[in-house]
């Protein structure tokens, strides 16, 4: 793969770059778009609702506790960096189907 990957290892876990599409018809992973993972969420992008929904969605999809998913950057933008603890690169690819 050329260029930057949509995930990087860190000392604490895996940092995933996510492009969020709010107000979608359903919550789903829409694949990899360039150097980010595209995730569609039903939540609107107001009052942190999309951020909250993203954390819940990723925790459930990756089968990790919600406390293992934390937003590193991008609180107000569509492009976010999320730290996920307790999963390997293989796990994340398999469980998200990418």
PDB file of N, CA and C in Angstrom:
ATOM      1  N   UNK A   1       0.852  -1.195   0.000  1.00  0.00           N
ATOM      2  CA  UNK A   1       0.000   0.000   0.000  1.00  0.00           C
ATOM      3  C   UNK A   1       0.886   1.244   0.000  1.00  0.00           C
ATOM      4  N   UNK A   2       0.563   2.182  -0.824  1.00  0.00           N
ATOM      5  CA  UNK A   2       1.373   3.394  -0.895  1.00  0.00           C
ATOM      6  C   UNK A   2       0.740   4.502  -0.064  1.00  0.00           C
ATOM      7  N   UNK A   3       1.540   5.474   0.293  1.00  0.00           N
ATOM      8  CA  UNK A   3       1.026   6.600   1.069  1.00  0.00           C
ATOM      9  C   UNK A   3       0.792   6.217   2.519  1.00  0.00           C
ATOM     10  N   UNK A   4       0.054   7.066   3.201  1.00  0.00           N
ATOM     11  CA  UNK A   4      -0.207   6.843   4.609  1.00  0.00           C
ATOM     12  C   UNK A   4      -1.353   5.852   4.787  1.00  0.00           C
ATOM     13  N   UNK A   5      -1.249   5.005   5.782  1.00  0.00           N
ATOM     14  CA  UNK A   5      -2.298   4.042   6.054  1.00  0.00           C
ATOM     15  C   UNK A   5      -3.392   4.692   6.905  1.00  0.00           C
ATOM     16  N   UNK A   6      -4.557   4.088   6.932  1.00  0.00           N
ATOM     17  CA  UNK A   6      -5.677   4.606   7.737  1.00  0.00           C
ATOM     18  C   UNK A   6      -5.545   4.213   9.199  1.00  0.00           C
ATOM     19  N   UNK A   7      -4.525   3.427   9.528  1.00  0.00           N
ATOM     20  CA  UNK A   7      -4.271   3.095  10.939  1.00  0.00           C
ATOM     21  C   UNK A   7      -2.777   3.052  11.202  1.00  0.00           C
ATOM     22  N   UNK A   8      -2.403   3.434  12.418  1.00  0.00           N
ATOM     23  CA  UNK A   8      -1.005   3.416  12.837  1.00  0.00           C
ATOM     24  C   UNK A   8      -0.914   2.810  14.230  1.00  0.00           C
ATOM     25  N   UNK A   9       0.149   2.070  14.452  1.00  0.00           N
ATOM     26  CA  UNK A   9       0.391   1.535  15.800  1.00  0.00           C
ATOM     27  C   UNK A   9       0.888   2.666  16.680  1.00  0.00           C
ATOM     28  N   UNK A  10       0.490   2.632  17.937  1.00  0.00           N
ATOM     29  CA  UNK A  10       1.033   3.578  18.911  1.00  0.00           C
ATOM     30  C   UNK A  10       1.378   2.770  20.157  1.00  0.00           C
ATOM     31  N   UNK A  11       2.009   3.412  21.119  1.00  0.00           N
ATOM     32  CA  UNK A  11       2.380   2.714  22.351  1.00  0.00           C
ATOM     33  C   UNK A  11       1.148   2.192  23.087  1.00  0.00           C
ATOM     34  N   UNK A  12       0.027   2.878  22.935  1.00  0.00           N
ATOM     35  CA  UNK A  12      -1.186   2.508  23.670  1.00  0.00           C
ATOM     36  C   UNK A  12      -2.116   1.566  22.920  1.00  0.00           C
ATOM     37  N   UNK A  13      -2.006   1.523  21.600  1.00  0.00           N
ATOM     38  CA  UNK A  13      -2.906   0.685  20.820  1.00  0.00           C
ATOM     39  C   UNK A  13      -2.811   1.032  19.348  1.00  0.00           C
ATOM     40  N   UNK A  14      -3.941   1.065  18.679  1.00  0.00           N
ATOM     41  CA  UNK A  14      -3.987   1.382  17.261  1.00  0.00           C
ATOM     42  C   UNK A  14      -4.736   2.707  17.078  1.00  0.00           C
ATOM     43  N   UNK A  15      -4.136   3.636  16.342  1.00  0.00           N
ATOM     44  CA  UNK A  15      -4.805   4.903  16.064  1.00  0.00           C
ATOM     45  C   UNK A  15      -5.384   4.811  14.655  1.00  0.00           C
ATOM     46  N   UNK A  16      -6.701   4.968  14.570  1.00  0.00           N
ATOM     47  CA  UNK A  16      -7.416   4.844  13.300  1.00  0.00           C
ATOM     48  C   UNK A  16      -7.899   6.220  12.860  1.00  0.00           C
ATOM     49  N   UNK A  17      -7.648   6.571  11.600  1.00  0.00           N
ATOM     50  CA  UNK A  17      -8.157   7.819  11.035  1.00  0.00           C
ATOM     51  C   UNK A  17      -9.506   7.502  10.406  1.00  0.00           C
ATOM     52  N   UNK A  18     -10.547   8.208  10.860  1.00  0.00           N
ATOM     53  CA  UNK A  18     -11.913   7.932  10.423  1.00  0.00           C
ATOM     54  C   UNK A  18     -12.529   9.175   9.794  1.00  0.00           C
ATOM     55  N   UNK A  19     -13.154   8.998   8.634  1.00  0.00           N
ATOM     56  CA  UNK A  19     -13.937  10.070   8.019  1.00  0.00           C
ATOM     57  C   UNK A  19     -15.396   9.732   8.286  1.00  0.00           C
ATOM     58  N   UNK A  20     -16.064  10.572   9.073  1.00  0.00           N
ATOM     59  CA  UNK A  20     -17.440  10.319   9.481  1.00  0.00           C
ATOM     60  C   UNK A  20     -18.427  10.994   8.525  1.00  0.00           C
ATOM     61  N   UNK A  21     -19.439  10.229   8.128  1.00  0.00           N
ATOM     62  CA  UNK A  21     -20.536  10.767   7.328  1.00  0.00           C
ATOM     63  C   UNK A  21     -21.767  10.734   8.238  1.00  0.00           C
ATOM     64  N   UNK A  22     -22.144  11.893   8.804  1.00  0.00           N
ATOM     65  CA  UNK A  22     -23.295  11.917   9.722  1.00  0.00           C
ATOM     66  C   UNK A  22     -24.623  11.869   8.990  1.00  0.00           C
ATOM     67  N   UNK A  23     -25.674  11.616   9.753  1.00  0.00           N
ATOM     68  CA  UNK A  23     -27.050  11.558   9.231  1.00  0.00           C
ATOM     69  C   UNK A  23     -27.219  10.551   8.096  1.00  0.00           C
ATOM     70  N   UNK A  24     -26.527   9.421   8.186  1.00  0.00           N
ATOM     71  CA  UNK A  24     -26.655   8.365   7.182  1.00  0.00           C
ATOM     72  C   UNK A  24     -27.908   7.540   7.469  1.00  0.00           C
ATOM     73  N   UNK A  25     -28.305   6.712   6.504  1.00  0.00           N
ATOM     74  CA  UNK A  25     -29.504   5.898   6.697  1.00  0.00           C
ATOM     75  C   UNK A  25     -29.269   4.772   7.700  1.00  0.00           C
ATOM     76  N   UNK A  26     -28.013   4.325   7.820  1.00  0.00           N
ATOM     77  CA  UNK A  26     -27.691   3.321   8.842  1.00  0.00           C
ATOM     78  C   UNK A  26     -26.231   3.454   9.244  1.00  0.00           C
ATOM     79  N   UNK A  27     -25.899   2.877  10.406  1.00  0.00           N
ATOM     80  CA  UNK A  27     -24.524   2.887  10.897  1.00  0.00           C
ATOM     81  C   UNK A  27     -23.764   1.771  10.201  1.00  0.00           C
ATOM     82  N   UNK A  28     -22.656   2.129   9.521  1.00  0.00           N
ATOM     83  CA  UNK A  28     -21.885   1.104   8.824  1.00  0.00           C
ATOM     84  C   UNK A  28     -20.502   1.599   8.446  1.00  0.00           C
ATOM     85  N   UNK A  29     -19.598   0.632   8.244  1.00  0.00           N
ATOM     86  CA  UNK A  29     -18.280   0.935   7.698  1.00  0.00           C
ATOM     87  C   UNK A  29     -18.455   0.919   6.189  1.00  0.00           C
ATOM     88  N   UNK A  30     -18.068   2.018   5.539  1.00  0.00           N
ATOM     89  CA  UNK A  30     -18.255   2.142   4.093  1.00  0.00           C
ATOM     90  C   UNK A  30     -16.961   1.907   3.325  1.00  0.00           C
ATOM     91  N   UNK A  31     -15.958   1.338   3.996  1.00  0.00           N
ATOM     92  CA  UNK A  31     -14.697   1.017   3.333  1.00  0.00           C
ATOM     93  C   UNK A  31     -13.599   2.011   3.637  1.00  0.00           C
ATOM     94  N   UNK A  32     -12.492   1.846   2.920  1.00  0.00           N
ATOM     95  CA  UNK A  32     -11.340   2.717   3.101  1.00  0.00           C
ATOM     96  C   UNK A  32     -11.326   3.735   1.973  1.00  0.00           C
ATOM     97  N   UNK A  33     -11.211   4.992   2.331  1.00  0.00           N
ATOM     98  CA  UNK A  33     -11.187   6.081   1.357  1.00  0.00           C
ATOM     99  C   UNK A  33      -9.854   6.805   1.520  1.00  0.00           C
ATOM    100  N   UNK A  34      -8.926   6.546   0.610  1.00  0.00           N
ATOM    101  CA  UNK A  34      -7.606   7.163   0.723  1.00  0.00           C
ATOM    102  C   UNK A  34      -6.915   6.703   1.984  1.00  0.00           C
ATOM    103  N   UNK A  35      -6.588   7.645   2.869  1.00  0.00           N
ATOM    104  CA  UNK A  35      -5.898   7.278   4.105  1.00  0.00           C
ATOM    105  C   UNK A  35      -6.819   7.349   5.328  1.00  0.00           C
ATOM    106  N   UNK A  36      -8.124   7.109   5.100  1.00  0.00           N
ATOM    107  CA  UNK A  36      -9.048   7.089   6.235  1.00  0.00           C
ATOM    108  C   UNK A  36     -10.104   6.002   6.050  1.00  0.00           C
ATOM    109  N   UNK A  37     -10.653   5.581   7.176  1.00  0.00           N
ATOM    110  CA  UNK A  37     -11.729   4.606   7.195  1.00  0.00           C
ATOM    111  C   UNK A  37     -13.033   5.398   7.138  1.00  0.00           C
ATOM    112  N   UNK A  38     -13.880   5.107   6.168  1.00  0.00           N
ATOM    113  CA  UNK A  38     -15.127   5.852   6.036  1.00  0.00           C
ATOM    114  C   UNK A  38     -16.216   5.139   6.836  1.00  0.00           C
ATOM    115  N   UNK A  39     -16.836   5.876   7.763  1.00  0.00           N
ATOM    116  CA  UNK A  39     -17.894   5.321   8.606  1.00  0.00           C
ATOM    117  C   UNK A  39     -19.129   6.197   8.491  1.00  0.00           C
ATOM    118  N   UNK A  40     -20.246   5.568   8.142  1.00  0.00           N
ATOM    119  CA  UNK A  40     -21.528   6.287   8.076  1.00  0.00           C
ATOM    120  C   UNK A  40     -22.251   6.090   9.399  1.00  0.00           C
ATOM    121  N   UNK A  41     -22.777   7.199   9.954  1.00  0.00           N
ATOM    122  CA  UNK A  41     -23.495   7.148  11.232  1.00  0.00           C
ATOM    123  C   UNK A  41     -24.839   7.850  11.101  1.00  0.00           C
ATOM    124  N   UNK A  42     -25.840   7.314  11.775  1.00  0.00           N
ATOM    125  CA  UNK A  42     -27.159   7.944  11.770  1.00  0.00           C
ATOM    126  C   UNK A  42     -27.181   9.220  12.598  1.00  0.00           C
ATOM    127  N   UNK A  43     -26.295   9.328  13.564  1.00  0.00           N
ATOM    128  CA  UNK A  43     -26.286  10.475  14.479  1.00  0.00           C
ATOM    129  C   UNK A  43     -25.995  11.783  13.744  1.00  0.00           C
ATOM    130  N   UNK A  44     -26.631  12.873  14.185  1.00  0.00           N
ATOM    131  CA  UNK A  44     -26.330  14.187  13.605  1.00  0.00           C
ATOM    132  C   UNK A  44     -25.025  14.731  14.191  1.00  0.00           C
ATOM    133  N   UNK A  45     -24.342  15.616  13.467  1.00  0.00           N
ATOM    134  CA  UNK A  45     -23.063  16.152  13.960  1.00  0.00           C
ATOM    135  C   UNK A  45     -23.248  17.317  14.923  1.00  0.00           C
ATOM    136  N   UNK A  46     -24.071  17.135  15.962  1.00  0.00           N
ATOM    137  CA  UNK A  46     -24.305  18.211  16.935  1.00  0.00           C
ATOM    138  C   UNK A  46     -24.071  17.702  18.358  1.00  0.00           C
ATOM    139  N   UNK A  47     -23.573  18.584  19.209  1.00  0.00           N
ATOM    140  CA  UNK A  47     -23.369  18.292  20.636  1.00  0.00           C
ATOM    141  C   UNK A  47     -22.597  17.000  20.888  1.00  0.00           C
ATOM    142  N   UNK A  48     -21.661  16.660  20.015  1.00  0.00           N
ATOM    143  CA  UNK A  48     -20.850  15.467  20.230  1.00  0.00           C
ATOM    144  C   UNK A  48     -21.571  14.148  20.008  1.00  0.00           C
ATOM    145  N   UNK A  49     -22.803  14.198  19.484  1.00  0.00           N
ATOM    146  CA  UNK A  49     -23.584  12.976  19.291  1.00  0.00           C
ATOM    147  C   UNK A  49     -22.910  12.013  18.308  1.00  0.00           C
ATOM    148  N   UNK A  50     -22.363  12.534  17.215  1.00  0.00           N
ATOM    149  CA  UNK A  50     -21.685  11.669  16.235  1.00  0.00           C
ATOM    150  C   UNK A  50     -20.425  11.057  16.852  1.00  0.00           C
ATOM    151  N   UNK A  51     -19.695  11.829  17.666  1.00  0.00           N
ATOM    152  CA  UNK A  51     -18.494  11.302  18.329  1.00  0.00           C
ATOM    153  C   UNK A  51     -18.852  10.153  19.265  1.00  0.00           C
ATOM    154  N   UNK A  52     -19.920  10.353  20.037  1.00  0.00           N
ATOM    155  CA  UNK A  52     -20.390   9.348  20.982  1.00  0.00           C
ATOM    156  C   UNK A  52     -20.811   8.085  20.226  1.00  0.00           C
ATOM    157  N   UNK A  53     -21.575   8.275  19.155  1.00  0.00           N
ATOM    158  CA  UNK A  53     -22.055   7.158  18.355  1.00  0.00           C
ATOM    159  C   UNK A  53     -20.892   6.424  17.695  1.00  0.00           C
ATOM    160  N   UNK A  54     -19.893   7.162  17.228  1.00  0.00           N
ATOM    161  CA  UNK A  54     -18.724   6.550  16.598  1.00  0.00           C
ATOM    162  C   UNK A  54     -18.013   5.629  17.586  1.00  0.00           C
ATOM    163  N   UNK A  55     -17.801   6.104  18.809  1.00  0.00           N
ATOM    164  CA  UNK A  55     -17.134   5.298  19.835  1.00  0.00           C
ATOM    165  C   UNK A  55     -17.931   4.029  20.122  1.00  0.00           C
ATOM    166  N   UNK A  56     -19.244   4.156  20.280  1.00  0.00           N
ATOM    167  CA  UNK A  56     -20.099   2.989  20.548  1.00  0.00           C
ATOM    168  C   UNK A  56     -20.074   2.015  19.371  1.00  0.00           C
ATOM    169  N   UNK A  57     -20.175   2.556  18.171  1.00  0.00           N
ATOM    170  CA  UNK A  57     -20.187   1.729  16.960  1.00  0.00           C
ATOM    171  C   UNK A  57     -18.878   0.944  16.819  1.00  0.00           C
ATOM    172  N   UNK A  58     -17.734   1.624  16.975  1.00  0.00           N
ATOM    173  CA  UNK A  58     -16.440   0.956  16.842  1.00  0.00           C
ATOM    174  C   UNK A  58     -16.227  -0.076  17.949  1.00  0.00           C
ATOM    175  N   UNK A  59     -16.612   0.249  19.176  1.00  0.00           N
ATOM    176  CA  UNK A  59     -16.462  -0.690  20.295  1.00  0.00           C
ATOM    177  C   UNK A  59     -17.257  -1.968  20.020  1.00  0.00           C
ATOM    178  N   UNK A  60     -18.491  -1.819  19.560  1.00  0.00           N
ATOM    179  CA  UNK A  60     -19.337  -2.979  19.278  1.00  0.00           C
ATOM    180  C   UNK A  60     -18.780  -3.782  18.101  1.00  0.00           C
ATOM    181  N   UNK A  61     -18.408  -3.085  17.018  1.00  0.00           N
ATOM    182  CA  UNK A  61     -17.899  -3.753  15.817  1.00  0.00           C
ATOM    183  C   UNK A  61     -16.595  -4.500  16.092  1.00  0.00           C
ATOM    184  N   UNK A  62     -15.771  -3.939  16.975  1.00  0.00           N
ATOM    185  CA  UNK A  62     -14.467  -4.541  17.267  1.00  0.00           C
ATOM    186  C   UNK A  62     -14.488  -5.439  18.495  1.00  0.00           C
ATOM    187  N   UNK A  63     -15.654  -5.527  19.145  1.00  0.00           N
ATOM    188  CA  UNK A  63     -15.822  -6.377  20.319  1.00  0.00           C
ATOM    189  C   UNK A  63     -14.843  -6.008  21.435  1.00  0.00           C
ATOM    190  N   UNK A  64     -14.755  -4.705  21.712  1.00  0.00           N
ATOM    191  CA  UNK A  64     -13.943  -4.222  22.833  1.00  0.00           C
ATOM    192  C   UNK A  64     -14.836  -3.346  23.722  1.00  0.00           C
ATOM    193  N   UNK A  65     -14.471  -3.189  25.002  1.00  0.00           N
ATOM    194  CA  UNK A  65     -15.258  -2.299  25.873  1.00  0.00           C
ATOM    195  C   UNK A  65     -15.192  -0.855  25.371  1.00  0.00           C
ATOM    196  N   UNK A  66     -16.242  -0.094  25.594  1.00  0.00           N
ATOM    197  CA  UNK A  66     -16.302   1.304  25.152  1.00  0.00           C
ATOM    198  C   UNK A  66     -15.119   2.100  25.726  1.00  0.00           C
ATOM    199  N   UNK A  67     -14.653   1.743  26.911  1.00  0.00           N
ATOM    200  CA  UNK A  67     -13.521   2.466  27.523  1.00  0.00           C
ATOM    201  C   UNK A  67     -12.230   2.287  26.721  1.00  0.00           C
ATOM    202  N   UNK A  68     -12.181   1.294  25.823  1.00  0.00           N
ATOM    203  CA  UNK A  68     -10.994   1.058  24.995  1.00  0.00           C
ATOM    204  C   UNK A  68     -10.968   1.925  23.737  1.00  0.00           C
ATOM    205  N   UNK A  69     -12.019   2.713  23.537  1.00  0.00           N
ATOM    206  CA  UNK A  69     -12.116   3.558  22.342  1.00  0.00           C
ATOM    207  C   UNK A  69     -12.144   5.015  22.782  1.00  0.00           C
ATOM    208  N   UNK A  70     -11.149   5.808  22.334  1.00  0.00           N
ATOM    209  CA  UNK A  70     -11.151   7.219  22.709  1.00  0.00           C
ATOM    210  C   UNK A  70     -10.742   8.102  21.535  1.00  0.00           C
ATOM    211  N   UNK A  71     -11.404   9.248  21.457  1.00  0.00           N
ATOM    212  CA  UNK A  71     -11.152  10.215  20.396  1.00  0.00           C
ATOM    213  C   UNK A  71      -9.865  10.973  20.709  1.00  0.00           C
ATOM    214  N   UNK A  72      -8.914  10.923  19.779  1.00  0.00           N
ATOM    215  CA  UNK A  72      -7.627  11.599  19.973  1.00  0.00           C
ATOM    216  C   UNK A  72      -7.698  13.013  19.414  1.00  0.00           C
ATOM    217  N   UNK A  73      -8.290  13.160  18.232  1.00  0.00           N
ATOM    218  CA  UNK A  73      -8.419  14.483  17.614  1.00  0.00           C
ATOM    219  C   UNK A  73      -9.605  14.497  16.666  1.00  0.00           C
ATOM    220  N   UNK A  74     -10.043  15.699  16.296  1.00  0.00           N
ATOM    221  CA  UNK A  74     -11.142  15.847  15.356  1.00  0.00           C
ATOM    222  C   UNK A  74     -12.510  15.940  16.001  1.00  0.00           C
ATOM    223  N   UNK A  75     -12.558  16.454  17.234  1.00  0.00           N
ATOM    224  CA  UNK A  75     -13.828  16.547  17.958  1.00  0.00           C
ATOM    225  C   UNK A  75     -14.928  17.241  17.148  1.00  0.00           C
ATOM    226  N   UNK A  76     -14.560  18.272  16.386  1.00  0.00           N
ATOM    227  CA  UNK A  76     -15.587  19.032  15.673  1.00  0.00           C
ATOM    228  C   UNK A  76     -15.573  18.833  14.162  1.00  0.00           C
ATOM    229  N   UNK A  77     -14.595  18.119  13.647  1.00  0.00           N
ATOM    230  CA  UNK A  77     -14.527  17.915  12.197  1.00  0.00           C
ATOM    231  C   UNK A  77     -15.012  16.538  11.788  1.00  0.00           C
ATOM    232  N   UNK A  78     -15.085  16.308  10.492  1.00  0.00           N
ATOM    233  CA  UNK A  78     -15.499  14.995  10.000  1.00  0.00           C
ATOM    234  C   UNK A  78     -14.358  13.995  10.035  1.00  0.00           C
ATOM    235  N   UNK A  79     -13.124  14.513   9.986  1.00  0.00           N
ATOM    236  CA  UNK A  79     -11.951  13.648  10.017  1.00  0.00           C
ATOM    237  C   UNK A  79     -11.494  13.524  11.463  1.00  0.00           C
ATOM    238  N   UNK A  80     -11.477  12.289  11.970  1.00  0.00           N
ATOM    239  CA  UNK A  80     -11.169  12.065  13.381  1.00  0.00           C
ATOM    240  C   UNK A  80     -10.062  11.027  13.514  1.00  0.00           C
ATOM    241  N   UNK A  81      -9.313  11.126  14.608  1.00  0.00           N
ATOM    242  CA  UNK A  81      -8.332  10.096  14.932  1.00  0.00           C
ATOM    243  C   UNK A  81      -8.795   9.450  16.234  1.00  0.00           C
ATOM    244  N   UNK A  82      -8.940   8.123  16.178  1.00  0.00           N
ATOM    245  CA  UNK A  82      -9.486   7.374  17.300  1.00  0.00           C
ATOM    246  C   UNK A  82      -8.464   6.346  17.778  1.00  0.00           C
ATOM    247  N   UNK A  83      -8.194   6.340  19.081  1.00  0.00           N
ATOM    248  CA  UNK A  83      -7.299   5.347  19.674  1.00  0.00           C
ATOM    249  C   UNK A  83      -8.130   4.154  20.118  1.00  0.00           C
ATOM    250  N   UNK A  84      -7.724   2.972  19.673  1.00  0.00           N
ATOM    251  CA  UNK A  84      -8.429   1.748  20.056  1.00  0.00           C
ATOM    252  C   UNK A  84      -7.424   0.824  20.727  1.00  0.00           C
ATOM    253  N   UNK A  85      -7.718   0.458  21.964  1.00  0.00           N
ATOM    254  CA  UNK A  85      -6.844  -0.438  22.726  1.00  0.00           C
ATOM    255  C   UNK A  85      -7.398  -1.860  22.661  1.00  0.00           C
ATOM    256  N   UNK A  86      -6.488  -2.827  22.684  1.00  0.00           N
ATOM    257  CA  UNK A  86      -6.914  -4.227  22.791  1.00  0.00           C
ATOM    258  C   UNK A  86      -7.243  -4.909  21.478  1.00  0.00           C
ATOM    259  N   UNK A  87      -6.840  -4.346  20.334  1.00  0.00           N
ATOM    260  CA  UNK A  87      -7.038  -5.015  19.043  1.00  0.00           C
ATOM    261  C   UNK A  87      -5.752  -4.956  18.228  1.00  0.00           C
ATOM    262  N   UNK A  88      -5.561  -5.972  17.418  1.00  0.00           N
ATOM    263  CA  UNK A  88      -4.396  -5.987  16.536  1.00  0.00           C
ATOM    264  C   UNK A  88      -4.824  -5.463  15.162  1.00  0.00           C
ATOM    265  N   UNK A  89      -3.849  -5.209  14.293  1.00  0.00           N
ATOM    266  CA  UNK A  89      -4.162  -4.760  12.936  1.00  0.00           C
ATOM    267  C   UNK A  89      -4.998  -5.812  12.215  1.00  0.00           C
ATOM    268  N   UNK A  90      -4.667  -7.088  12.430  1.00  0.00           N
ATOM    269  CA  UNK A  90      -5.420  -8.173  11.783  1.00  0.00           C
ATOM    270  C   UNK A  90      -6.868  -8.180  12.280  1.00  0.00           C
ATOM    271  N   UNK A  91      -7.040  -8.034  13.615  1.00  0.00           N
ATOM    272  CA  UNK A  91      -8.389  -8.003  14.202  1.00  0.00           C
ATOM    273  C   UNK A  91      -9.234  -6.912  13.574  1.00  0.00           C
ATOM    274  N   UNK A  92      -8.654  -5.723  13.506  1.00  0.00           N
ATOM    275  CA  UNK A  92      -9.413  -4.570  13.039  1.00  0.00           C
ATOM    276  C   UNK A  92      -9.822  -4.728  11.563  1.00  0.00           C
ATOM    277  N   UNK A  93      -8.917  -5.241  10.756  1.00  0.00           N
ATOM    278  CA  UNK A  93      -9.236  -5.456   9.343  1.00  0.00           C
ATOM    279  C   UNK A  93     -10.339  -6.515   9.192  1.00  0.00           C
ATOM    280  N   UNK A  94     -10.196  -7.615   9.936  1.00  0.00           N
ATOM    281  CA  UNK A  94     -11.170  -8.716   9.837  1.00  0.00           C
ATOM    282  C   UNK A  94     -12.549  -8.291  10.359  1.00  0.00           C
ATOM    283  N   UNK A  95     -12.566  -7.700  11.547  1.00  0.00           N
ATOM    284  CA  UNK A  95     -13.839  -7.355  12.178  1.00  0.00           C
ATOM    285  C   UNK A  95     -14.598  -6.238  11.467  1.00  0.00           C
ATOM    286  N   UNK A  96     -13.851  -5.325  10.830  1.00  0.00           N
ATOM    287  CA  UNK A  96     -14.506  -4.238  10.098  1.00  0.00           C
ATOM    288  C   UNK A  96     -14.712  -4.578   8.621  1.00  0.00           C
ATOM    289  N   UNK A  97     -14.158  -5.717   8.211  1.00  0.00           N
ATOM    290  CA  UNK A  97     -14.341  -6.158   6.837  1.00  0.00           C
ATOM    291  C   UNK A  97     -13.639  -5.291   5.797  1.00  0.00           C
ATOM    292  N   UNK A  98     -12.471  -4.773   6.146  1.00  0.00           N
ATOM    293  CA  UNK A  98     -11.721  -3.933   5.190  1.00  0.00           C
ATOM    294  C   UNK A  98     -10.348  -4.524   4.916  1.00  0.00           C
TER     295      UNK A  98
END
